[in-house]
């Protein structure tokens, strides 16, 4: 029994050390020549086909939003991931702070709740262009420096009761 305990302890220690070392090897960024400590969306987005742009937008990723829409005999779950594009680095630093990112998320959720009463979300398919325009206009009216809204993921699932 002690032999089994010793073998298990050595195996866990060896594989743990190998995994720890491999983590540093995988995190090394060969293009930058250093270890990346933040894998968030803090770097400027690389625009495609816009060679004349002077500054690229910065992206603030919003947490996944799940909105339940109740109907008579079913519940529709709308799941979405968004990113907000800002053009200035100081707005990026401001909106990445937890208190401001939660305000962005709450404003997006409010716009989605307002759209849940219309055919944008309750139709047979989600009208993603209309939803994005509605959310973008509400964000631009409320928050300074918001340029655009990117929809990273958007789907709905009906659950029958």
C-alpha atoms as a PDB file:
ATOM      1  CA  UNK A   1       0.000   0.000   0.000  1.00  0.00           C
ATOM      2  CA  UNK A   2       2.838   2.396   0.789  1.00  0.00           C
ATOM      3  CA  UNK A   3       4.441   1.530  -2.537  1.00  0.00           C
ATOM      4  CA  UNK A   4       1.234   2.577  -4.345  1.00  0.00           C
ATOM      5  CA  UNK A   5       1.103   5.813  -2.345  1.00  0.00           C
ATOM      6  CA  UNK A   6       4.726   6.655  -3.224  1.00  0.00           C
ATOM      7  CA  UNK A   7       4.173   5.924  -6.940  1.00  0.00           C
ATOM      8  CA  UNK A   8       0.988   8.028  -7.017  1.00  0.00           C
ATOM      9  CA  UNK A   9       2.706  10.932  -5.236  1.00  0.00           C
ATOM     10  CA  UNK A  10       5.672  10.853  -7.616  1.00  0.00           C
ATOM     11  CA  UNK A  11       3.420  10.630 -10.686  1.00  0.00           C
ATOM     12  CA  UNK A  12       1.281  13.572  -9.560  1.00  0.00           C
ATOM     13  CA  UNK A  13       4.378  15.622  -8.743  1.00  0.00           C
ATOM     14  CA  UNK A  14       6.080  14.852 -12.051  1.00  0.00           C
ATOM     15  CA  UNK A  15       3.023  15.525 -14.208  1.00  0.00           C
ATOM     16  CA  UNK A  16       2.219  18.666 -12.222  1.00  0.00           C
ATOM     17  CA  UNK A  17       5.742  20.008 -12.795  1.00  0.00           C
ATOM     18  CA  UNK A  18       5.598  19.140 -16.477  1.00  0.00           C
ATOM     19  CA  UNK A  19       2.227  20.875 -16.815  1.00  0.00           C
ATOM     20  CA  UNK A  20       3.480  23.951 -14.974  1.00  0.00           C
ATOM     21  CA  UNK A  21       6.542  24.203 -17.230  1.00  0.00           C
ATOM     22  CA  UNK A  22       4.467  23.590 -20.363  1.00  0.00           C
ATOM     23  CA  UNK A  23       2.174  26.427 -19.337  1.00  0.00           C
ATOM     24  CA  UNK A  24       5.090  28.875 -19.448  1.00  0.00           C
ATOM     25  CA  UNK A  25       6.187  27.469 -22.790  1.00  0.00           C
ATOM     26  CA  UNK A  26       2.695  27.872 -24.349  1.00  0.00           C
ATOM     27  CA  UNK A  27       2.208  31.396 -22.985  1.00  0.00           C
ATOM     28  CA  UNK A  28       5.422  32.678 -24.594  1.00  0.00           C
ATOM     29  CA  UNK A  29       4.540  34.992 -27.455  1.00  0.00           C
ATOM     30  CA  UNK A  30       7.079  34.467 -30.257  1.00  0.00           C
ATOM     31  CA  UNK A  31       6.045  37.641 -32.106  1.00  0.00           C
ATOM     32  CA  UNK A  32       6.550  39.901 -29.113  1.00  0.00           C
ATOM     33  CA  UNK A  33       9.506  37.994 -27.652  1.00  0.00           C
ATOM     34  CA  UNK A  34       8.061  37.995 -24.146  1.00  0.00           C
ATOM     35  CA  UNK A  35       5.523  36.234 -21.986  1.00  0.00           C
ATOM     36  CA  UNK A  36       1.938  37.429 -22.334  1.00  0.00           C
ATOM     37  CA  UNK A  37       0.259  38.024 -19.012  1.00  0.00           C
ATOM     38  CA  UNK A  38      -3.073  39.321 -20.335  1.00  0.00           C
ATOM     39  CA  UNK A  39      -4.834  37.413 -23.087  1.00  0.00           C
ATOM     40  CA  UNK A  40      -7.828  39.765 -23.088  1.00  0.00           C
ATOM     41  CA  UNK A  41      -8.905  41.926 -25.989  1.00  0.00           C
ATOM     42  CA  UNK A  42      -6.804  44.900 -24.930  1.00  0.00           C
ATOM     43  CA  UNK A  43      -4.747  45.069 -28.104  1.00  0.00           C
ATOM     44  CA  UNK A  44      -5.989  47.134 -31.007  1.00  0.00           C
ATOM     45  CA  UNK A  45      -8.046  45.186 -33.478  1.00  0.00           C
ATOM     46  CA  UNK A  46      -6.344  44.641 -36.812  1.00  0.00           C
ATOM     47  CA  UNK A  47      -8.631  46.111 -39.462  1.00  0.00           C
ATOM     48  CA  UNK A  48      -8.707  44.268 -42.770  1.00  0.00           C
ATOM     49  CA  UNK A  49      -8.657  46.236 -45.990  1.00  0.00           C
ATOM     50  CA  UNK A  50      -8.173  49.633 -44.324  1.00  0.00           C
ATOM     51  CA  UNK A  51      -4.574  50.502 -45.070  1.00  0.00           C
ATOM     52  CA  UNK A  52      -5.198  54.241 -44.701  1.00  0.00           C
ATOM     53  CA  UNK A  53      -6.579  54.116 -41.146  1.00  0.00           C
ATOM     54  CA  UNK A  54      -4.528  56.067 -38.651  1.00  0.00           C
ATOM     55  CA  UNK A  55      -5.826  54.425 -35.474  1.00  0.00           C
ATOM     56  CA  UNK A  56      -7.398  51.041 -34.938  1.00  0.00           C
ATOM     57  CA  UNK A  57     -10.305  50.577 -32.521  1.00  0.00           C
ATOM     58  CA  UNK A  58      -9.822  48.948 -29.168  1.00  0.00           C
ATOM     59  CA  UNK A  59     -12.207  46.199 -28.090  1.00  0.00           C
ATOM     60  CA  UNK A  60     -13.808  45.703 -24.693  1.00  0.00           C
ATOM     61  CA  UNK A  61     -15.334  42.228 -24.438  1.00  0.00           C
ATOM     62  CA  UNK A  62     -18.609  41.970 -22.562  1.00  0.00           C
ATOM     63  CA  UNK A  63     -19.501  38.831 -20.609  1.00  0.00           C
ATOM     64  CA  UNK A  64     -21.999  36.362 -22.012  1.00  0.00           C
ATOM     65  CA  UNK A  65     -25.558  37.614 -21.697  1.00  0.00           C
ATOM     66  CA  UNK A  66     -28.481  35.214 -21.376  1.00  0.00           C
ATOM     67  CA  UNK A  67     -31.983  36.648 -21.728  1.00  0.00           C
ATOM     68  CA  UNK A  68     -35.047  34.463 -21.061  1.00  0.00           C
ATOM     69  CA  UNK A  69     -38.175  35.482 -22.968  1.00  0.00           C
ATOM     70  CA  UNK A  70     -41.332  33.864 -21.591  1.00  0.00           C
ATOM     71  CA  UNK A  71     -44.149  32.898 -23.921  1.00  0.00           C
ATOM     72  CA  UNK A  72     -47.409  31.085 -23.227  1.00  0.00           C
ATOM     73  CA  UNK A  73     -46.150  27.538 -23.733  1.00  0.00           C
ATOM     74  CA  UNK A  74     -42.387  27.958 -23.975  1.00  0.00           C
ATOM     75  CA  UNK A  75     -39.376  29.942 -22.867  1.00  0.00           C
ATOM     76  CA  UNK A  76     -36.939  31.290 -25.431  1.00  0.00           C
ATOM     77  CA  UNK A  77     -33.356  31.655 -24.224  1.00  0.00           C
ATOM     78  CA  UNK A  78     -31.313  34.221 -26.160  1.00  0.00           C
ATOM     79  CA  UNK A  79     -27.566  33.902 -25.581  1.00  0.00           C
ATOM     80  CA  UNK A  80     -25.187  36.599 -26.830  1.00  0.00           C
ATOM     81  CA  UNK A  81     -21.550  37.660 -26.625  1.00  0.00           C
ATOM     82  CA  UNK A  82     -20.664  41.222 -27.543  1.00  0.00           C
ATOM     83  CA  UNK A  83     -17.577  43.399 -27.794  1.00  0.00           C
ATOM     84  CA  UNK A  84     -17.657  47.187 -27.716  1.00  0.00           C
ATOM     85  CA  UNK A  85     -15.211  49.072 -29.949  1.00  0.00           C
ATOM     86  CA  UNK A  86     -13.738  52.319 -28.632  1.00  0.00           C
ATOM     87  CA  UNK A  87     -11.297  54.450 -30.600  1.00  0.00           C
ATOM     88  CA  UNK A  88      -9.172  55.823 -27.767  1.00  0.00           C
ATOM     89  CA  UNK A  89      -6.958  53.936 -25.313  1.00  0.00           C
ATOM     90  CA  UNK A  90      -8.156  56.000 -22.349  1.00  0.00           C
ATOM     91  CA  UNK A  91     -11.735  54.845 -22.985  1.00  0.00           C
ATOM     92  CA  UNK A  92     -10.414  51.296 -23.223  1.00  0.00           C
ATOM     93  CA  UNK A  93      -8.831  51.596 -19.793  1.00  0.00           C
ATOM     94  CA  UNK A  94     -12.000  53.170 -18.416  1.00  0.00           C
ATOM     95  CA  UNK A  95     -14.452  50.615 -19.818  1.00  0.00           C
ATOM     96  CA  UNK A  96     -12.327  47.623 -18.837  1.00  0.00           C
ATOM     97  CA  UNK A  97     -12.721  48.541 -15.178  1.00  0.00           C
ATOM     98  CA  UNK A  98     -15.313  46.273 -13.530  1.00  0.00           C
ATOM     99  CA  UNK A  99     -17.727  49.043 -12.563  1.00  0.00           C
ATOM    100  CA  UNK A 100     -17.908  50.417 -16.113  1.00  0.00           C
ATOM    101  CA  UNK A 101     -17.955  47.051 -17.874  1.00  0.00           C
ATOM    102  CA  UNK A 102     -20.886  46.010 -15.689  1.00  0.00           C
ATOM    103  CA  UNK A 103     -22.664  49.241 -16.673  1.00  0.00           C
ATOM    104  CA  UNK A 104     -22.045  48.447 -20.351  1.00  0.00           C
ATOM    105  CA  UNK A 105     -23.410  44.944 -19.796  1.00  0.00           C
ATOM    106  CA  UNK A 106     -26.485  46.285 -17.985  1.00  0.00           C
ATOM    107  CA  UNK A 107     -27.176  48.772 -20.786  1.00  0.00           C
ATOM    108  CA  UNK A 108     -26.908  46.011 -23.402  1.00  0.00           C
ATOM    109  CA  UNK A 109     -29.234  43.823 -21.337  1.00  0.00           C
ATOM    110  CA  UNK A 110     -31.752  46.685 -21.064  1.00  0.00           C
ATOM    111  CA  UNK A 111     -31.689  47.170 -24.850  1.00  0.00           C
ATOM    112  CA  UNK A 112     -32.200  43.432 -25.358  1.00  0.00           C
ATOM    113  CA  UNK A 113     -35.125  43.440 -22.911  1.00  0.00           C
ATOM    114  CA  UNK A 114     -36.701  46.327 -24.825  1.00  0.00           C
ATOM    115  CA  UNK A 115     -36.226  44.400 -28.072  1.00  0.00           C
ATOM    116  CA  UNK A 116     -37.737  41.235 -26.582  1.00  0.00           C
ATOM    117  CA  UNK A 117     -41.223  42.708 -26.929  1.00  0.00           C
ATOM    118  CA  UNK A 118     -40.769  43.259 -30.656  1.00  0.00           C
ATOM    119  CA  UNK A 119     -40.307  40.870 -33.565  1.00  0.00           C
ATOM    120  CA  UNK A 120     -36.530  41.383 -33.433  1.00  0.00           C
ATOM    121  CA  UNK A 121     -36.148  38.562 -30.891  1.00  0.00           C
ATOM    122  CA  UNK A 122     -39.548  36.863 -30.949  1.00  0.00           C
ATOM    123  CA  UNK A 123     -39.733  36.086 -34.652  1.00  0.00           C
ATOM    124  CA  UNK A 124     -38.717  32.744 -36.151  1.00  0.00           C
ATOM    125  CA  UNK A 125     -35.141  34.004 -36.461  1.00  0.00           C
ATOM    126  CA  UNK A 126     -33.254  36.763 -34.671  1.00  0.00           C
ATOM    127  CA  UNK A 127     -32.918  39.955 -36.710  1.00  0.00           C
ATOM    128  CA  UNK A 128     -29.299  40.509 -35.696  1.00  0.00           C
ATOM    129  CA  UNK A 129     -28.819  43.690 -37.730  1.00  0.00           C
ATOM    130  CA  UNK A 130     -31.801  45.408 -36.121  1.00  0.00           C
ATOM    131  CA  UNK A 131     -30.740  44.220 -32.659  1.00  0.00           C
ATOM    132  CA  UNK A 132     -27.176  45.469 -33.158  1.00  0.00           C
ATOM    133  CA  UNK A 133     -28.383  48.850 -34.412  1.00  0.00           C
ATOM    134  CA  UNK A 134     -30.713  49.226 -31.428  1.00  0.00           C
ATOM    135  CA  UNK A 135     -28.007  48.319 -28.907  1.00  0.00           C
ATOM    136  CA  UNK A 136     -25.362  50.444 -30.661  1.00  0.00           C
ATOM    137  CA  UNK A 137     -27.552  53.554 -30.685  1.00  0.00           C
ATOM    138  CA  UNK A 138     -28.431  53.102 -27.016  1.00  0.00           C
ATOM    139  CA  UNK A 139     -24.759  52.646 -26.062  1.00  0.00           C
ATOM    140  CA  UNK A 140     -23.632  55.651 -28.097  1.00  0.00           C
ATOM    141  CA  UNK A 141     -26.270  57.829 -26.435  1.00  0.00           C
ATOM    142  CA  UNK A 142     -25.227  56.711 -22.950  1.00  0.00           C
ATOM    143  CA  UNK A 143     -21.448  56.169 -23.089  1.00  0.00           C
ATOM    144  CA  UNK A 144     -18.821  58.530 -24.489  1.00  0.00           C
ATOM    145  CA  UNK A 145     -16.235  57.042 -26.837  1.00  0.00           C
ATOM    146  CA  UNK A 146     -18.228  53.999 -27.977  1.00  0.00           C
ATOM    147  CA  UNK A 147     -17.800  53.619 -31.732  1.00  0.00           C
ATOM    148  CA  UNK A 148     -19.329  50.284 -32.597  1.00  0.00           C
ATOM    149  CA  UNK A 149     -20.803  47.077 -31.250  1.00  0.00           C
ATOM    150  CA  UNK A 150     -19.537  43.718 -32.479  1.00  0.00           C
ATOM    151  CA  UNK A 151     -21.728  40.649 -32.119  1.00  0.00           C
ATOM    152  CA  UNK A 152     -19.420  37.730 -31.394  1.00  0.00           C
ATOM    153  CA  UNK A 153     -22.119  35.109 -30.787  1.00  0.00           C
ATOM    154  CA  UNK A 154     -25.911  35.264 -30.954  1.00  0.00           C
ATOM    155  CA  UNK A 155     -28.379  32.390 -30.854  1.00  0.00           C
ATOM    156  CA  UNK A 156     -31.692  31.430 -29.351  1.00  0.00           C
ATOM    157  CA  UNK A 157     -33.123  28.188 -28.079  1.00  0.00           C
ATOM    158  CA  UNK A 158     -36.794  27.437 -27.424  1.00  0.00           C
ATOM    159  CA  UNK A 159     -37.620  25.337 -24.394  1.00  0.00           C
ATOM    160  CA  UNK A 160     -41.157  23.913 -24.302  1.00  0.00           C
ATOM    161  CA  UNK A 161     -43.035  23.800 -21.025  1.00  0.00           C
END
